[in-house]
Protein backbone atom coordinates (compact mmCIF):
# COMPACT_ATOMS: atom_id res chain seq x y z
CA MET A 1 -47.28 -43.17 -19.41
CA SER A 2 -45.07 -40.26 -20.60
CA PHE A 3 -45.86 -38.38 -23.80
CA TRP A 4 -42.71 -39.76 -25.46
CA LYS A 5 -43.62 -43.34 -24.57
CA ALA A 6 -47.15 -42.79 -25.87
CA GLU A 7 -45.70 -41.54 -29.17
CA GLN A 8 -43.44 -44.58 -29.39
CA LEU A 9 -46.32 -46.93 -28.66
CA LEU A 10 -48.48 -45.31 -31.34
CA ALA A 11 -45.60 -45.53 -33.81
CA LEU A 12 -45.22 -49.23 -32.97
CA ALA A 13 -48.96 -49.81 -33.39
CA THR A 14 -48.83 -48.08 -36.78
CA LEU A 15 -45.91 -50.27 -37.84
CA VAL A 16 -47.66 -53.48 -36.78
CA ALA A 17 -50.97 -52.53 -38.40
CA ALA A 18 -49.23 -51.58 -41.66
CA ARG A 19 -47.60 -55.00 -42.12
CA HIS A 20 -50.10 -57.69 -42.95
CA VAL A 21 -47.50 -60.43 -42.38
CA GLY A 22 -46.95 -59.14 -38.87
CA VAL A 23 -43.90 -57.76 -37.10
CA THR A 24 -41.11 -59.72 -35.41
CA LEU A 25 -39.01 -58.70 -32.42
CA ASP A 26 -36.08 -58.05 -34.76
CA ASP A 27 -38.25 -55.75 -36.88
CA VAL A 28 -39.00 -53.62 -33.82
CA ILE A 29 -35.34 -53.50 -32.78
CA GLU A 30 -34.28 -52.38 -36.26
CA ARG A 31 -37.11 -49.87 -36.76
CA PHE A 32 -36.62 -48.04 -33.46
CA GLY A 33 -32.90 -48.65 -32.91
CA ILE A 34 -33.45 -50.07 -29.43
CA SER A 35 -32.25 -53.00 -27.33
CA LYS A 36 -33.96 -56.38 -27.22
CA ARG A 37 -35.32 -55.79 -23.71
CA THR A 38 -36.79 -52.41 -24.66
CA ALA A 39 -38.43 -53.94 -27.73
CA GLN A 40 -39.94 -56.69 -25.58
CA ARG A 41 -41.36 -54.06 -23.18
CA MET A 42 -42.86 -52.11 -26.06
CA LEU A 43 -44.55 -55.22 -27.46
CA ARG A 44 -45.98 -56.08 -24.04
CA ALA A 45 -47.36 -52.53 -23.81
CA LEU A 46 -48.85 -52.94 -27.28
CA GLU A 47 -50.71 -56.07 -26.21
CA ALA A 48 -51.95 -54.32 -23.05
CA GLN A 49 -53.15 -51.11 -24.73
CA PHE A 50 -54.49 -52.67 -27.94
CA PRO A 51 -56.54 -55.79 -27.05
CA ASP A 52 -56.98 -56.64 -30.75
CA THR A 53 -53.27 -57.48 -30.96
CA HIS A 54 -52.64 -61.16 -31.59
CA VAL A 55 -49.47 -63.21 -31.93
CA THR A 56 -48.66 -66.01 -34.36
CA VAL A 57 -45.58 -68.16 -34.93
CA ASP A 58 -44.13 -68.31 -38.46
CA ASP A 59 -42.44 -71.21 -40.22
CA GLU A 60 -39.08 -70.25 -38.74
CA GLY A 61 -40.42 -70.35 -35.19
CA ARG A 62 -40.45 -66.56 -34.74
CA LYS A 63 -43.30 -64.73 -33.03
CA ARG A 64 -45.16 -62.22 -35.18
CA TRP A 65 -47.42 -59.52 -33.76
CA HIS A 66 -50.52 -58.50 -35.75
CA LEU A 67 -52.98 -55.62 -35.31
CA PRO A 68 -56.08 -54.87 -37.44
CA SER A 69 -55.75 -51.45 -39.09
CA GLY A 70 -59.22 -50.45 -37.88
CA ALA A 71 -57.95 -50.37 -34.31
CA LEU A 72 -55.96 -47.21 -35.12
CA ARG A 73 -58.45 -45.32 -37.28
CA ASP A 74 -59.44 -42.76 -34.66
CA LEU A 75 -55.88 -42.30 -33.40
CA MET A 76 -54.11 -41.63 -36.69
CA SER A 77 -53.06 -38.13 -37.74
CA LEU A 78 -51.35 -36.77 -40.83
CA TYR A 79 -48.68 -34.16 -40.11
CA PRO A 80 -47.51 -31.33 -42.40
CA GLU A 81 -43.93 -32.67 -42.21
CA GLU A 82 -45.08 -36.03 -43.56
CA LEU A 83 -47.01 -34.44 -46.42
CA ALA A 84 -44.04 -32.21 -47.26
CA ALA A 85 -41.73 -35.25 -47.28
CA LEU A 86 -44.12 -36.99 -49.66
CA ASP A 87 -44.14 -33.98 -52.01
CA LEU A 88 -40.36 -33.82 -51.83
CA ALA A 89 -40.18 -37.48 -52.88
CA ILE A 90 -42.60 -36.85 -55.78
CA GLU A 91 -40.56 -33.89 -57.03
CA THR A 92 -37.32 -35.84 -56.66
CA LEU A 93 -38.74 -38.67 -58.76
CA LYS A 94 -39.81 -36.19 -61.43
CA ARG A 95 -36.35 -34.61 -61.49
CA SER A 96 -34.84 -38.09 -61.84
CA SER A 97 -37.02 -38.67 -64.93
CA LEU A 98 -39.11 -41.23 -63.02
CA ALA A 99 -42.45 -39.80 -64.17
CA VAL A 100 -44.40 -43.06 -63.87
CA GLU A 101 -43.26 -43.63 -60.30
CA ALA A 102 -43.95 -39.96 -59.49
CA ASP A 103 -47.52 -40.37 -60.73
CA ASP A 104 -47.98 -43.48 -58.59
CA LEU A 105 -46.78 -41.62 -55.51
CA LEU A 106 -49.00 -38.65 -56.36
CA ASN A 107 -52.00 -40.99 -56.53
CA LEU A 108 -51.06 -42.36 -53.13
CA ARG A 109 -50.85 -38.81 -51.76
CA GLU A 110 -54.37 -38.06 -53.01
CA LYS A 111 -55.76 -41.25 -51.47
CA ILE A 112 -54.19 -40.36 -48.13
CA LEU A 113 -55.63 -36.83 -48.21
CA ALA A 114 -59.05 -38.23 -49.12
CA LEU A 115 -59.05 -40.04 -45.76
CA VAL A 116 -58.23 -36.91 -43.76
CA PRO A 117 -61.28 -35.15 -42.24
CA ARG A 118 -62.11 -31.93 -44.10
CA SER A 119 -61.85 -29.94 -40.87
CA LYS A 120 -58.13 -30.74 -40.64
CA VAL A 121 -57.16 -30.24 -44.27
CA ALA A 122 -57.06 -26.40 -44.34
CA ARG A 123 -54.66 -26.11 -41.39
CA LEU A 124 -52.62 -29.05 -42.64
CA GLU A 125 -52.11 -27.56 -46.11
CA THR A 126 -51.19 -24.11 -44.73
CA ASP A 127 -48.36 -25.54 -42.61
CA HIS A 128 -47.40 -27.89 -45.42
CA GLU A 129 -46.97 -25.04 -47.94
CA ALA A 130 -44.75 -23.17 -45.47
CA LEU A 131 -42.54 -26.23 -45.13
CA LEU A 132 -42.24 -26.65 -48.89
CA GLU A 133 -41.20 -23.02 -49.24
CA ALA A 134 -38.59 -23.45 -46.51
CA GLN A 135 -37.19 -26.54 -48.26
CA GLY A 136 -36.80 -24.63 -51.52
CA LEU A 137 -38.49 -27.49 -53.33
CA ALA A 138 -40.08 -25.39 -56.07
CA THR A 139 -36.81 -23.73 -57.07
CA ARG A 140 -34.34 -26.61 -56.93
CA PRO A 141 -32.18 -26.37 -60.06
CA GLY A 142 -30.24 -29.06 -61.86
CA PRO A 143 -30.04 -30.81 -65.25
CA ARG A 144 -31.85 -34.08 -65.74
CA GLN A 145 -32.34 -36.61 -68.50
CA ARG A 146 -35.63 -36.59 -70.36
CA ILE A 147 -37.34 -39.96 -70.77
CA ASP A 148 -40.41 -40.62 -72.89
CA ARG A 149 -43.33 -41.33 -70.55
CA LYS A 150 -44.72 -44.09 -72.80
CA ILE A 151 -41.38 -45.88 -72.83
CA ALA A 152 -41.09 -45.57 -69.03
CA ALA A 153 -44.61 -46.98 -68.61
CA ALA A 154 -43.88 -49.92 -70.93
CA ILE A 155 -40.69 -50.75 -69.00
CA ALA A 156 -42.52 -50.61 -65.66
CA GLU A 157 -45.31 -52.87 -66.94
CA ALA A 158 -42.88 -55.42 -68.40
CA ILE A 159 -40.89 -55.60 -65.16
CA LYS A 160 -43.99 -56.07 -63.00
CA ALA A 161 -45.58 -58.65 -65.32
CA CYS A 162 -42.35 -60.53 -66.21
CA ARG A 163 -43.02 -59.96 -69.91
CA LEU A 164 -40.45 -59.70 -72.68
CA LEU A 165 -39.87 -56.17 -73.87
CA GLU A 166 -39.51 -55.34 -77.56
CA ILE A 167 -37.34 -52.24 -77.99
CA GLU A 168 -35.54 -50.21 -80.61
CA TYR A 169 -32.21 -49.37 -79.02
CA GLN A 170 -29.18 -47.44 -80.20
CA SER A 171 -25.97 -48.27 -78.39
CA ARG A 172 -23.00 -45.90 -78.31
CA ASP A 173 -21.19 -47.60 -81.21
CA GLU A 174 -24.23 -47.92 -83.51
CA GLN A 175 -25.24 -45.43 -86.20
CA MET A 176 -28.92 -46.37 -86.09
CA PRO A 177 -31.19 -48.04 -83.52
CA ARG A 178 -32.01 -51.71 -84.02
CA LYS A 179 -34.70 -53.99 -82.65
CA ARG A 180 -34.04 -56.16 -79.61
CA ARG A 181 -36.10 -58.45 -77.38
CA ILE A 182 -35.05 -58.41 -73.77
CA ALA A 183 -36.19 -59.76 -70.38
CA PRO A 184 -36.22 -56.74 -68.01
CA TYR A 185 -35.10 -57.31 -64.41
CA GLY A 186 -35.03 -53.81 -62.93
CA LEU A 187 -33.92 -50.20 -63.17
CA LEU A 188 -30.84 -48.45 -61.77
CA THR A 189 -30.93 -44.69 -61.40
CA GLY A 190 -27.95 -42.35 -61.18
CA LEU A 191 -26.67 -39.63 -63.50
CA ARG A 192 -28.24 -41.84 -66.12
CA ARG A 193 -30.97 -44.44 -65.87
CA TYR A 194 -30.13 -48.01 -66.83
CA LEU A 195 -32.42 -50.94 -67.53
CA VAL A 196 -30.99 -54.25 -66.28
CA ALA A 197 -32.08 -56.94 -68.73
CA GLN A 198 -31.26 -60.28 -70.32
CA PRO A 199 -31.10 -60.33 -74.15
CA GLU A 200 -33.47 -63.03 -75.45
CA ASP A 201 -30.83 -64.30 -77.88
CA GLU A 202 -28.20 -64.58 -75.12
CA ALA A 203 -30.24 -66.33 -72.43
CA SER A 204 -27.17 -68.02 -70.93
CA GLY A 205 -25.02 -64.88 -70.96
CA PRO A 206 -24.64 -62.11 -68.37
CA LEU A 207 -27.26 -59.46 -67.69
CA ARG A 208 -26.72 -56.25 -69.60
CA LEU A 209 -27.35 -52.57 -68.97
CA TYR A 210 -29.34 -50.48 -71.43
CA VAL A 211 -29.34 -46.66 -71.23
CA VAL A 212 -33.05 -45.83 -70.98
CA GLU A 213 -32.56 -42.54 -72.86
CA ASN A 214 -31.25 -44.55 -75.84
CA ILE A 215 -34.42 -46.66 -76.10
CA ARG A 216 -36.36 -45.16 -79.01
CA THR A 217 -39.49 -47.34 -78.76
CA ALA A 218 -40.71 -49.96 -76.28
CA LYS A 219 -43.56 -52.44 -76.49
CA VAL A 220 -44.59 -55.05 -73.94
CA SER A 221 -44.73 -58.51 -75.50
CA LYS A 222 -47.41 -61.08 -74.73
CA GLU A 223 -44.65 -63.58 -74.00
CA SER A 224 -43.55 -64.02 -70.41
CA PHE A 225 -40.15 -65.02 -69.06
CA GLU A 226 -38.83 -66.61 -65.86
CA ARG A 227 -36.60 -64.47 -63.71
CA GLU A 228 -33.38 -65.99 -62.45
CA PRO A 229 -34.49 -67.05 -58.93
CA ASN A 230 -31.19 -66.10 -57.27
CA PHE A 231 -30.97 -62.64 -58.84
CA ASN A 232 -31.03 -59.71 -56.42
CA LEU A 233 -31.07 -56.20 -57.88
CA GLN A 234 -29.39 -54.62 -54.83
CA THR A 235 -26.56 -57.16 -54.89
CA PHE A 236 -26.13 -56.52 -58.60
CA ALA A 237 -26.09 -52.74 -58.06
CA ASP A 238 -23.50 -53.04 -55.26
CA ARG A 239 -20.98 -54.38 -57.75
CA ALA A 240 -20.74 -50.88 -59.23
CA PHE A 241 -19.34 -47.63 -57.87
CA GLY A 242 -22.10 -45.63 -59.53
CA VAL A 243 -24.68 -47.22 -61.79
CA PHE A 244 -22.90 -48.57 -64.86
CA GLN A 245 -20.66 -51.58 -64.49
CA ASN A 246 -18.32 -53.53 -66.70
CA GLU A 247 -17.50 -57.05 -65.53
CA ASP A 248 -13.92 -56.68 -66.80
CA GLU A 249 -13.35 -53.76 -64.41
CA TYR A 250 -14.65 -55.43 -61.26
CA GLY A 251 -12.04 -55.76 -58.53
CA GLU A 252 -10.49 -54.14 -55.47
CA VAL A 253 -10.30 -50.35 -55.44
CA VAL A 254 -7.96 -48.51 -53.03
CA TRP A 255 -7.86 -44.73 -52.56
CA ARG A 256 -5.70 -42.66 -50.21
CA PHE A 257 -6.99 -39.29 -48.99
CA SER A 258 -4.44 -36.72 -47.82
CA PRO A 259 -4.19 -35.79 -44.12
CA LYS A 260 -5.90 -32.41 -44.67
CA THR A 261 -8.94 -34.03 -46.36
CA ALA A 262 -9.19 -37.28 -44.37
CA ASP A 263 -11.73 -35.94 -41.84
CA HIS A 264 -13.93 -34.62 -44.63
CA ALA A 265 -13.67 -37.90 -46.58
CA ARG A 266 -14.83 -39.88 -43.54
CA GLY A 267 -18.22 -38.24 -43.96
CA PHE A 268 -18.74 -40.03 -47.27
CA GLU A 269 -19.90 -43.54 -48.01
CA PHE A 270 -18.09 -44.23 -51.26
CA HIS A 271 -19.46 -47.79 -51.45
CA PRO A 272 -21.64 -49.95 -49.17
CA GLY A 273 -18.81 -52.46 -48.77
CA GLN A 274 -16.05 -49.95 -48.00
CA VAL A 275 -13.39 -50.47 -45.33
CA ILE A 276 -11.66 -47.43 -43.80
CA GLU A 277 -8.04 -47.53 -42.62
CA ASP A 278 -6.60 -44.57 -40.68
CA GLN A 279 -2.91 -44.04 -41.33
CA PRO A 280 -0.19 -42.85 -38.87
CA ASP A 281 0.42 -39.66 -40.91
CA GLY A 282 -3.25 -38.63 -40.62
CA SER A 283 -4.24 -39.77 -44.10
CA MET A 284 -7.06 -42.23 -44.73
CA ILE A 285 -7.31 -45.25 -47.02
CA VAL A 286 -10.64 -46.55 -48.27
CA ARG A 287 -11.01 -50.01 -49.84
CA PHE A 288 -13.95 -51.59 -51.64
CA SER A 289 -14.66 -53.88 -54.57
CA ALA A 290 -16.58 -52.48 -57.53
CA ALA A 291 -16.61 -51.75 -61.25
CA GLY A 292 -17.28 -48.48 -63.04
CA HIS A 293 -13.95 -46.75 -63.57
CA LEU A 294 -15.36 -43.84 -65.57
CA GLU A 295 -17.83 -42.88 -62.83
CA MET A 296 -15.00 -43.20 -60.30
CA CYS A 297 -12.96 -40.76 -62.39
CA TRP A 298 -15.81 -38.24 -62.43
CA HIS A 299 -15.97 -38.35 -58.64
CA LEU A 300 -12.22 -38.41 -58.00
CA TYR A 301 -11.78 -35.27 -60.12
CA LEU A 302 -13.76 -33.31 -57.49
CA TRP A 303 -11.04 -34.01 -54.90
CA GLY A 304 -8.23 -32.54 -56.99
CA ASP A 305 -4.80 -33.77 -55.85
CA ASP A 306 -6.01 -34.62 -52.34
CA VAL A 307 -6.81 -38.20 -53.31
CA GLU A 308 -4.44 -40.79 -54.75
CA VAL A 309 -5.48 -44.01 -56.48
CA LEU A 310 -3.40 -46.89 -55.16
CA ALA A 311 -5.31 -49.59 -57.07
CA PRO A 312 -6.18 -50.67 -59.67
CA GLU A 313 -3.39 -49.51 -61.96
CA ARG A 314 -5.80 -48.94 -64.85
CA LEU A 315 -7.82 -46.44 -62.79
CA ARG A 316 -4.64 -44.76 -61.50
CA ASP A 317 -3.53 -44.18 -65.10
CA MET A 318 -6.95 -42.75 -66.03
CA VAL A 319 -6.85 -40.02 -63.35
CA HIS A 320 -3.12 -39.30 -63.32
CA ASP A 321 -3.18 -36.28 -65.65
CA TYR A 322 -6.31 -34.73 -64.10
CA ARG A 323 -5.34 -34.27 -60.43
CA ARG A 324 -5.57 -30.48 -59.92
CA PRO A 325 -4.15 -28.53 -56.94
CA ASP A 326 -6.22 -25.37 -57.44
CA PHE A 327 -9.77 -26.38 -56.39
CA PRO A 328 -10.97 -23.93 -53.69
CA SER A 329 -13.20 -26.43 -51.87
CA LEU A 330 -13.95 -30.11 -51.43
CA PRO A 331 -17.05 -32.03 -52.60
């Protein structure tokens, strides 16, 4: 067996052992980006090299491969690149004002290191520090919103426990914060952090977004709530261009990028549902459906006069007077 194939097999074994529900053929195809036949060969090799592998059939008739985690204990290694990636994720969470989540990931990092033999730690940490320095992690600049750690912890607890959250919140048009009781569904993070929640006094209305920085106090109630069973946070988030969304703004968005910027614009994913149309003159049109006109304006400004809003008319009017021809570079 070649070294590359051995690496792939160990990666597959790690994947299977990490998932207690088992791994399907489709999971292997997606994880490794391979064909169905190659995935089948890898799973046969897994069964041959790891006798503890066993196969079950789930309720949908799909085979699932399982492997006890103990079968890999002596084969597992922790690499400096993996530790550096973990530290990068922790620092990114901190810079995104996600202190609670950063602490959780830091605890996970410490548990992982506790399992590494002492003889390997010194060399591991030396290489790891060199990688961090090369990434410039310690000196990354940039403004970020400050969020009270106690408020963040209360929000996280309420979401996990499906408990009502009692908050004092000051919206943009209010002079003073006022008390609210809300059912929290999840958090969306962008330039600002928004809590997706259902007001208790508007149980039949739409979900609302609350700017986390505008929550003055937060307390987890003893009362629980039932989440809407069909709600999906990712689907909800995809209705926006950025993070914030206004239902009245939702609709088709069409932008045209000039011929000189079209190639550069193709390197961007403006929205998960976008459709690209190349034009005969070398320009490019991108279409998607979303809300969030203000965040669209902030982004469109970076392109100067090399992007034109074709739809909706309301967005076109918002950016019309701000299309500049003198920007020296593109986003």
